[in-house]
N, C-alpha and C. Protein backbone atom coordinates (compact mmCIF):
# COMPACT_ATOMS: atom_id res chain seq x y z
N MET A 1 0.58 -1.16 -0.06
CA MET A 1 -0.07 0.01 -0.15
C MET A 1 0.54 1.37 -0.02
N SER A 2 0.41 2.50 -0.88
CA SER A 2 1.51 3.43 -0.78
C SER A 2 1.28 4.61 0.19
N SER A 3 1.70 5.04 0.25
CA SER A 3 2.01 6.08 1.87
C SER A 3 1.27 7.57 1.13
N GLU A 4 1.28 7.49 -0.20
CA GLU A 4 0.25 8.50 -0.39
C GLU A 4 -0.99 8.08 -0.98
N ALA A 5 -2.05 8.41 -0.09
CA ALA A 5 -3.27 7.30 -0.33
C ALA A 5 -4.34 8.19 -1.57
N GLN A 6 -4.98 8.07 -2.40
CA GLN A 6 -5.85 8.95 -3.28
C GLN A 6 -6.89 9.01 -2.83
N TYR A 7 -7.44 10.29 -2.41
CA TYR A 7 -8.62 10.45 -2.15
C TYR A 7 -9.31 11.38 -3.40
N THR A 8 -11.04 10.60 -3.09
CA THR A 8 -12.15 11.32 -4.19
C THR A 8 -12.89 12.04 -3.68
N TYR A 9 -13.12 12.73 -3.71
CA TYR A 9 -14.51 13.67 -4.14
C TYR A 9 -15.81 13.90 -4.46
N PRO A 10 -17.41 13.42 -3.79
CA PRO A 10 -18.03 13.42 -5.37
C PRO A 10 -18.65 14.71 -5.46
N CYS A 11 -19.31 15.06 -6.41
CA CYS A 11 -19.53 16.05 -7.45
C CYS A 11 -21.26 16.49 -6.70
N PRO A 12 -21.31 17.26 -5.92
CA PRO A 12 -22.34 17.39 -5.79
C PRO A 12 -23.60 17.99 -6.12
N LEU A 13 -23.19 18.09 -7.55
CA LEU A 13 -24.11 18.07 -8.93
C LEU A 13 -24.81 16.70 -9.70
N CYS A 14 -23.57 16.31 -10.03
CA CYS A 14 -23.86 14.60 -10.81
C CYS A 14 -23.05 14.01 -9.96
N GLY A 15 -22.44 13.88 -8.58
CA GLY A 15 -22.23 12.69 -8.08
C GLY A 15 -20.63 12.09 -8.46
N ASN A 16 -20.34 12.15 -9.78
CA ASN A 16 -19.06 11.79 -10.34
C ASN A 16 -17.80 12.09 -9.45
N SER A 17 -16.95 11.36 -9.00
CA SER A 17 -15.96 11.81 -8.08
C SER A 17 -14.80 12.60 -8.72
N ARG A 18 -14.10 13.68 -7.67
CA ARG A 18 -13.15 14.47 -8.53
C ARG A 18 -11.95 14.04 -7.75
N GLU A 19 -10.82 13.87 -7.84
CA GLU A 19 -9.42 13.75 -7.54
C GLU A 19 -8.94 15.52 -6.44
N GLU A 20 -9.40 16.05 -6.13
CA GLU A 20 -9.37 17.10 -5.73
C GLU A 20 -10.90 17.69 -5.06
N LEU A 21 -10.72 18.42 -3.60
CA LEU A 21 -11.93 19.08 -3.40
C LEU A 21 -12.36 20.30 -3.81
N GLU A 22 -11.07 21.41 -3.75
CA GLU A 22 -11.11 22.68 -5.02
C GLU A 22 -11.69 22.36 -6.23
N ALA A 23 -11.71 21.27 -6.79
CA ALA A 23 -11.42 20.57 -8.46
C ALA A 23 -12.69 20.93 -9.05
N THR A 24 -12.39 21.67 -10.53
CA THR A 24 -13.50 21.49 -11.46
C THR A 24 -14.36 20.30 -11.61
N CYS A 25 -15.41 19.67 -11.57
CA CYS A 25 -15.87 18.65 -12.30
C CYS A 25 -15.43 18.33 -13.55
N LYS A 26 -15.02 17.20 -14.07
CA LYS A 26 -15.04 17.48 -15.36
C LYS A 26 -16.42 16.27 -16.15
N HIS A 27 -16.75 16.46 -15.67
CA HIS A 27 -18.02 15.69 -16.15
C HIS A 27 -19.20 17.07 -16.62
N CYS A 28 -19.36 17.65 -15.13
CA CYS A 28 -20.64 18.44 -15.45
C CYS A 28 -20.35 19.92 -15.95
N GLY A 29 -19.13 19.87 -15.50
CA GLY A 29 -18.40 20.99 -15.02
C GLY A 29 -18.33 22.11 -13.82
N TRP A 30 -19.20 21.24 -13.34
CA TRP A 30 -19.36 22.02 -11.78
C TRP A 30 -18.52 22.59 -10.68
N SER A 31 -18.20 24.16 -10.22
CA SER A 31 -16.91 24.35 -9.47
C SER A 31 -17.71 24.74 -7.87
N PRO A 32 -16.64 24.87 -7.39
CA PRO A 32 -17.20 25.13 -5.86
C PRO A 32 -17.58 26.55 -5.67
N TYR A 33 -16.97 27.62 -6.93
CA TYR A 33 -17.07 28.87 -6.98
C TYR A 33 -18.20 29.02 -7.72
N HIS A 34 -18.32 28.57 -9.18
CA HIS A 34 -19.40 29.22 -10.43
C HIS A 34 -20.35 27.92 -10.56
N ASP A 35 -21.48 27.96 -11.32
CA ASP A 35 -21.93 26.80 -11.58
C ASP A 35 -21.30 27.05 -12.90
N PRO A 36 -22.20 25.76 -13.52
CA PRO A 36 -21.37 25.14 -15.24
C PRO A 36 -21.83 26.42 -16.00
N VAL A 37 -22.93 27.52 -15.93
CA VAL A 37 -22.42 28.32 -16.86
C VAL A 37 -21.88 29.65 -16.60
N GLY A 38 -21.29 29.50 -15.49
CA GLY A 38 -19.94 30.73 -15.45
C GLY A 38 -20.57 31.55 -14.83
N LYS A 39 -21.89 31.79 -13.96
CA LYS A 39 -22.53 33.15 -13.61
C LYS A 39 -22.00 32.36 -11.61
N PRO A 40 -21.93 33.47 -10.87
CA PRO A 40 -21.45 32.96 -9.36
C PRO A 40 -22.68 32.54 -8.64
N LYS A 41 -22.51 31.81 -7.72
CA LYS A 41 -23.45 30.88 -6.75
C LYS A 41 -24.42 31.50 -6.71
N GLU A 42 -25.71 31.27 -6.43
CA GLU A 42 -26.72 32.07 -5.48
C GLU A 42 -26.32 32.37 -3.74
N ASN A 43 -25.45 31.06 -3.26
CA ASN A 43 -25.18 31.83 -2.37
C ASN A 43 -23.39 32.24 -2.03
N ALA A 44 -23.16 32.61 -2.89
CA ALA A 44 -21.40 33.56 -2.85
C ALA A 44 -22.43 34.61 -2.15
N PRO A 45 -20.96 35.16 -1.45
CA PRO A 45 -21.34 36.60 -0.96
C PRO A 45 -21.52 37.64 -1.77
N GLN A 46 -22.29 38.02 -1.53
CA GLN A 46 -22.22 39.06 -2.39
C GLN A 46 -23.23 40.21 -1.51
N SER A 47 -22.69 41.95 -1.87
CA SER A 47 -23.51 43.05 -1.58
C SER A 47 -24.47 43.52 -1.69
N GLU A 48 -25.02 43.31 -0.98
CA GLU A 48 -26.57 44.23 -1.48
C GLU A 48 -26.45 45.64 -1.58
N PRO A 49 -27.42 46.18 -2.50
CA PRO A 49 -27.38 47.71 -3.05
C PRO A 49 -28.44 48.03 -1.53
N TYR A 50 -28.04 49.42 -0.78
CA TYR A 50 -29.07 49.93 0.05
C TYR A 50 -30.06 50.97 -0.69
N SER A 51 -30.97 50.50 0.47
CA SER A 51 -32.21 51.05 -0.29
C SER A 51 -32.46 52.76 -0.49
N LYS A 52 -33.42 53.26 -0.97
CA LYS A 52 -33.08 54.39 -1.59
C LYS A 52 -32.96 55.38 -0.49
N SER A 53 -34.01 55.66 0.45
CA SER A 53 -33.95 56.07 1.47
C SER A 53 -32.40 55.99 2.42
N THR A 54 -32.32 54.73 2.81
CA THR A 54 -30.49 54.72 3.16
C THR A 54 -29.66 55.75 2.12
N ALA A 55 -29.56 55.65 1.11
CA ALA A 55 -28.79 56.03 -0.20
C ALA A 55 -28.76 57.46 0.22
N VAL A 56 -30.22 58.18 -0.02
CA VAL A 56 -30.74 59.81 0.21
C VAL A 56 -29.89 59.94 1.80
N PHE A 57 -30.53 59.37 2.67
CA PHE A 57 -29.66 59.37 3.89
C PHE A 57 -27.80 59.99 4.23
N ALA A 58 -27.48 58.98 3.10
CA ALA A 58 -25.71 59.15 3.19
C ALA A 58 -25.66 60.34 2.80
N GLY A 59 -26.56 60.52 0.84
CA GLY A 59 -26.30 61.77 0.48
C GLY A 59 -26.11 63.06 1.44
N VAL A 60 -27.23 63.11 2.08
CA VAL A 60 -27.74 64.52 3.15
C VAL A 60 -26.38 64.63 3.61
N LEU A 61 -25.69 63.67 4.49
CA LEU A 61 -24.74 63.57 5.34
C LEU A 61 -23.63 63.75 4.56
N THR A 62 -23.82 63.21 3.28
CA THR A 62 -22.18 63.65 2.57
C THR A 62 -21.90 65.19 2.72
N ILE A 63 -23.38 65.66 1.73
CA ILE A 63 -22.85 67.59 1.40
C ILE A 63 -22.81 67.66 2.49
N LEU A 64 -23.18 67.81 3.69
CA LEU A 64 -23.97 68.24 4.69
C LEU A 64 -22.79 68.86 5.63
N PRO A 65 -20.78 68.75 5.22
CA PRO A 65 -19.84 69.79 5.27
C PRO A 65 -20.19 70.80 4.44
N TRP A 66 -20.29 70.37 2.87
CA TRP A 66 -20.56 71.58 2.03
C TRP A 66 -21.57 72.66 2.51
N PHE A 67 -22.49 72.43 2.64
CA PHE A 67 -22.99 73.19 3.50
C PHE A 67 -22.66 74.04 4.46
N TYR A 68 -22.41 73.07 5.65
CA TYR A 68 -21.72 74.03 6.56
C TYR A 68 -20.84 74.95 6.54
N GLY A 69 -19.68 74.69 5.31
CA GLY A 69 -19.00 75.50 4.97
C GLY A 69 -19.19 76.86 4.43
N PHE A 70 -19.80 76.84 3.92
CA PHE A 70 -20.28 78.20 3.36
C PHE A 70 -21.33 78.74 4.51
N PHE A 71 -22.79 77.87 4.85
CA PHE A 71 -22.58 78.90 6.60
C PHE A 71 -21.83 79.42 7.45
N PHE A 72 -20.57 78.59 7.81
CA PHE A 72 -19.68 79.26 8.65
C PHE A 72 -19.03 80.46 8.42
N PHE A 73 -18.57 80.15 7.11
CA PHE A 73 -17.82 81.82 6.45
C PHE A 73 -19.13 83.16 6.22
N ALA A 74 -20.15 82.72 6.32
CA ALA A 74 -20.97 83.70 6.04
C ALA A 74 -21.73 83.92 7.66
N VAL A 75 -21.62 83.31 8.41
CA VAL A 75 -21.91 83.76 10.14
C VAL A 75 -20.26 84.64 10.73
N VAL A 76 -19.08 84.06 10.14
CA VAL A 76 -18.31 84.42 10.06
C VAL A 76 -18.44 86.27 10.08
N LEU A 77 -18.39 86.18 8.71
CA LEU A 77 -18.33 87.15 8.17
C LEU A 77 -19.25 88.19 8.83
N TRP A 78 -21.16 87.76 8.78
CA TRP A 78 -21.80 88.51 9.55
C TRP A 78 -21.29 88.85 10.66
N GLY A 79 -20.76 88.08 11.61
CA GLY A 79 -19.93 88.42 12.53
C GLY A 79 -18.94 89.38 13.13
N LEU A 80 -17.90 89.38 12.36
CA LEU A 80 -17.05 90.54 12.02
C LEU A 80 -17.83 91.73 11.50
N ALA A 81 -18.20 91.93 10.90
CA ALA A 81 -19.90 93.02 10.17
C ALA A 81 -20.07 93.52 11.06
N SER A 82 -20.72 92.77 12.16
CA SER A 82 -22.08 93.35 13.07
C SER A 82 -21.50 93.54 14.69
N SER A 83 -20.05 93.34 15.05
CA SER A 83 -19.36 92.92 16.36
C SER A 83 -18.71 94.90 16.54
N GLN A 84 -18.58 95.43 16.24
CA GLN A 84 -18.66 96.69 16.12
C GLN A 84 -16.75 96.43 16.88
N GLY A 85 -16.21 96.34 16.33
CA GLY A 85 -14.73 95.74 17.50
C GLY A 85 -14.70 94.76 18.90
N LYS A 86 -15.63 94.39 19.15
CA LYS A 86 -15.86 93.48 20.46
C LYS A 86 -15.77 92.13 19.68
N PRO A 87 -15.13 90.88 20.06
CA PRO A 87 -14.76 89.59 19.63
C PRO A 87 -16.23 89.29 20.88
N PRO A 88 -16.99 88.55 19.50
CA PRO A 88 -18.41 88.09 19.57
C PRO A 88 -18.05 86.54 20.28
N VAL A 89 -18.23 86.80 21.95
CA VAL A 89 -17.83 85.82 22.42
C VAL A 89 -18.81 84.11 22.48
N ALA A 90 -20.37 84.69 22.47
CA ALA A 90 -21.24 83.54 22.52
C ALA A 90 -21.38 82.98 20.91
N MET A 91 -20.55 83.55 19.81
CA MET A 91 -21.13 83.08 18.57
C MET A 91 -19.60 82.17 18.30
N PHE A 92 -18.26 82.80 19.15
CA PHE A 92 -17.57 81.78 19.31
C PHE A 92 -17.81 80.35 19.85
N ALA A 93 -18.04 80.63 20.22
CA ALA A 93 -18.53 78.98 21.14
C ALA A 93 -19.29 78.06 20.41
N ILE A 94 -20.18 78.38 19.91
CA ILE A 94 -21.46 78.16 19.24
C ILE A 94 -20.99 77.75 17.56
N LEU A 95 -20.17 78.61 17.02
CA LEU A 95 -19.17 77.89 16.03
C LEU A 95 -18.07 76.92 16.47
N PHE A 96 -17.77 76.96 17.25
CA PHE A 96 -16.65 75.63 18.37
C PHE A 96 -17.07 74.73 18.05
N MET A 97 -18.45 74.55 18.85
CA MET A 97 -18.77 73.36 18.69
C MET A 97 -19.40 72.86 17.57
N SER A 98 -19.87 73.68 16.78
CA SER A 98 -20.68 73.03 15.34
C SER A 98 -19.55 72.61 14.43
N HIS A 99 -18.30 73.26 14.65
CA HIS A 99 -16.81 72.87 13.95
C HIS A 99 -16.95 71.69 14.43
N ILE A 100 -16.60 71.18 15.78
CA ILE A 100 -16.08 70.12 16.37
C ILE A 100 -17.48 68.73 15.77
N CYS A 101 -18.63 69.12 16.00
CA CYS A 101 -19.72 68.26 15.43
C CYS A 101 -19.58 67.75 14.04
N MET A 102 -18.65 68.90 13.09
CA MET A 102 -18.46 68.51 11.57
C MET A 102 -17.75 67.92 11.13
N MET A 103 -16.22 67.95 12.07
CA MET A 103 -14.81 67.19 12.11
C MET A 103 -15.43 65.59 12.76
N MET A 104 -16.31 66.03 13.46
CA MET A 104 -16.53 64.12 13.89
C MET A 104 -17.78 63.46 13.06
N LEU A 105 -18.34 64.53 12.05
CA LEU A 105 -20.00 63.61 11.18
C LEU A 105 -18.71 63.48 9.87
N SER A 106 -18.02 63.98 9.65
CA SER A 106 -16.46 63.72 8.75
C SER A 106 -16.23 62.74 8.71
N LEU A 107 -15.08 62.64 9.59
CA LEU A 107 -14.02 61.68 10.20
C LEU A 107 -15.30 60.33 10.19
N GLY A 108 -16.76 60.48 11.01
CA GLY A 108 -17.61 59.23 10.59
C GLY A 108 -17.79 58.49 9.20
N LEU A 109 -17.65 59.81 8.19
CA LEU A 109 -18.22 59.75 6.93
C LEU A 109 -17.00 58.79 6.06
N ILE A 110 -15.56 59.32 6.62
CA ILE A 110 -14.52 58.84 6.16
C ILE A 110 -14.71 57.30 6.76
N VAL A 111 -14.61 57.04 7.36
CA VAL A 111 -14.79 55.42 8.18
C VAL A 111 -16.42 54.82 7.14
N PHE A 112 -16.96 55.41 7.04
CA PHE A 112 -18.23 54.79 7.00
C PHE A 112 -18.13 54.34 5.01
N TYR A 113 -17.38 55.44 4.44
CA TYR A 113 -16.91 55.44 2.75
C TYR A 113 -16.02 54.10 2.97
N MET A 114 -14.73 53.84 3.55
CA MET A 114 -14.13 53.02 3.69
C MET A 114 -14.86 51.46 4.09
N ILE A 115 -15.57 51.55 5.43
CA ILE A 115 -16.18 50.10 5.25
C ILE A 115 -16.59 49.75 3.86
N HIS A 116 -17.03 50.57 3.62
CA HIS A 116 -18.77 50.48 2.46
C HIS A 116 -17.50 50.06 1.63
N LEU A 117 -16.16 50.82 1.04
CA LEU A 117 -15.55 50.13 0.08
C LEU A 117 -14.99 48.97 0.09
N PHE A 118 -14.74 48.43 0.88
CA PHE A 118 -13.73 47.48 1.35
C PHE A 118 -14.84 46.08 1.80
N SER A 119 -16.15 46.09 1.93
CA SER A 119 -16.94 45.40 1.80
C SER A 119 -18.14 45.10 0.91
N THR A 120 -17.98 46.20 -0.66
CA THR A 120 -19.04 45.81 -1.41
C THR A 120 -18.49 45.37 -2.46
N ASP A 121 -19.34 44.84 -3.49
CA ASP A 121 -18.20 44.24 -4.31
C ASP A 121 -18.73 45.19 -5.53
N PHE A 122 -19.94 46.32 -5.97
CA PHE A 122 -19.90 47.02 -6.61
C PHE A 122 -18.49 47.97 -7.14
N VAL A 123 -17.91 48.11 -6.61
CA VAL A 123 -15.98 48.53 -6.43
C VAL A 123 -15.27 47.93 -7.22
N PRO A 124 -14.87 47.79 -8.56
CA PRO A 124 -14.33 46.97 -9.20
C PRO A 124 -12.81 46.54 -8.38
N LYS A 125 -12.35 45.11 -8.39
CA LYS A 125 -11.02 44.84 -7.38
C LYS A 125 -9.93 45.92 -7.31
N ASP A 126 -9.81 46.61 -8.49
CA ASP A 126 -8.36 47.08 -9.07
C ASP A 126 -8.89 48.62 -9.09
N GLN A 127 -10.29 48.96 -8.71
CA GLN A 127 -10.07 50.61 -8.20
C GLN A 127 -10.08 50.28 -6.94
N LYS A 128 -9.94 49.39 -5.93
CA LYS A 128 -10.19 49.79 -4.85
C LYS A 128 -9.15 50.65 -4.05
N PRO A 129 -7.69 50.64 -4.40
CA PRO A 129 -7.53 50.96 -3.54
C PRO A 129 -6.96 51.89 -4.27
N LEU A 130 -7.42 52.63 -5.37
CA LEU A 130 -7.26 54.37 -5.84
C LEU A 130 -8.52 55.12 -4.62
N TRP A 131 -9.49 53.63 -5.09
CA TRP A 131 -10.62 55.22 -3.67
C TRP A 131 -10.55 55.16 -2.90
N ALA A 132 -9.86 54.71 -2.16
CA ALA A 132 -8.94 54.65 -0.77
C ALA A 132 -8.26 55.52 -0.13
N VAL A 133 -7.69 55.83 -1.74
CA VAL A 133 -6.27 56.79 -1.19
C VAL A 133 -7.14 58.14 -1.62
N LEU A 134 -8.32 58.33 -2.73
CA LEU A 134 -8.90 59.41 -2.68
C LEU A 134 -9.70 59.23 -1.53
N LEU A 135 -10.47 58.98 -1.16
CA LEU A 135 -11.38 58.66 -0.14
C LEU A 135 -10.31 59.27 1.57
N LEU A 136 -9.28 59.16 1.46
CA LEU A 136 -8.33 59.42 2.56
C LEU A 136 -8.07 60.79 2.33
N VAL A 137 -7.56 61.13 1.35
CA VAL A 137 -6.56 61.90 0.93
C VAL A 137 -7.52 63.14 0.90
N GLY A 138 -8.53 63.03 0.00
CA GLY A 138 -9.71 64.12 -0.93
C GLY A 138 -10.85 63.79 -0.23
N GLY A 139 -11.20 63.72 1.01
CA GLY A 139 -12.22 63.58 1.33
C GLY A 139 -13.44 63.72 1.06
N LEU A 140 -13.69 65.20 1.28
CA LEU A 140 -14.94 66.03 1.48
C LEU A 140 -14.98 66.14 -0.55
N LEU A 141 -14.07 66.25 -1.72
CA LEU A 141 -13.98 66.17 -2.87
C LEU A 141 -14.02 64.60 -3.53
N ALA A 142 -14.29 63.45 -2.19
CA ALA A 142 -13.95 62.24 -3.03
C ALA A 142 -15.73 61.88 -2.77
N MET A 143 -16.35 62.28 -1.65
CA MET A 143 -17.19 61.23 -1.45
C MET A 143 -18.35 61.75 -1.64
N PRO A 144 -18.55 62.47 -2.16
CA PRO A 144 -19.87 62.73 -3.54
C PRO A 144 -19.86 61.89 -4.73
N ILE A 145 -18.69 62.06 -4.87
CA ILE A 145 -18.10 61.64 -6.11
C ILE A 145 -18.51 59.24 -5.80
N TYR A 146 -17.78 59.15 -4.86
CA TYR A 146 -17.84 57.94 -4.96
C TYR A 146 -19.78 57.08 -4.25
N TRP A 147 -20.41 58.21 -3.20
CA TRP A 147 -21.90 58.28 -3.14
C TRP A 147 -22.61 58.02 -4.23
N PHE A 148 -22.30 58.91 -5.06
CA PHE A 148 -23.20 58.79 -6.46
C PHE A 148 -22.74 57.54 -7.28
N PHE A 149 -21.78 57.24 -7.80
CA PHE A 149 -21.23 55.80 -8.24
C PHE A 149 -22.11 54.47 -7.30
N TYR A 150 -21.26 54.71 -6.22
CA TYR A 150 -21.44 53.44 -5.78
C TYR A 150 -22.21 53.13 -4.96
N ILE A 151 -22.67 54.00 -4.44
CA ILE A 151 -24.45 54.30 -3.34
C ILE A 151 -25.35 54.43 -3.65
N TRP A 152 -25.71 55.31 -4.19
CA TRP A 152 -26.55 55.85 -5.23
C TRP A 152 -27.24 55.01 -6.41
N LYS A 153 -26.28 54.83 -7.55
CA LYS A 153 -26.89 54.52 -8.68
C LYS A 153 -26.67 52.76 -8.43
N PRO A 154 -26.58 51.76 -7.40
CA PRO A 154 -27.24 50.50 -6.80
C PRO A 154 -28.32 50.11 -6.45
N ALA A 155 -28.87 51.69 -6.07
CA ALA A 155 -29.96 51.74 -5.15
C ALA A 155 -30.96 51.74 -5.71
N THR A 156 -30.81 52.88 -7.07
CA THR A 156 -31.66 53.15 -8.18
C THR A 156 -32.00 51.95 -8.68
N GLU A 157 -31.21 50.73 -9.56
CA GLU A 157 -30.99 49.88 -10.31
C GLU A 157 -31.64 49.07 -9.79
């Protein structure tokens, strides 16, 4: 008896024996990763698109820092014009807290988009590193574009 025992594994589709557990069946073409026609198996892990309401909510949160930027500059210019040489302490406290909230939101959005990027099948695998760099470096510019192509479009199709 040889030391190398030859094991065979039955094909779950036709029952024909295969020599390797991960091998494609030579009789019917079944693969552990794809059906015989080459389509991904139904139970293969694939990401689901968000619902339209979730996609809209993510989009609103994504553009909120842009609106805050315009609001911030308008309030600062108004405060400087109406302060008459006195520092507006109350306005400073409100703007400071709103700035902290926007920074936390921006950080949360970056985390959300990075998790979405690496857990979705909608972004091609060869583009994931590029999108990761774009989201980290150009966050507020890249997030609306990423949202449109990979969150909004799959939710509407």
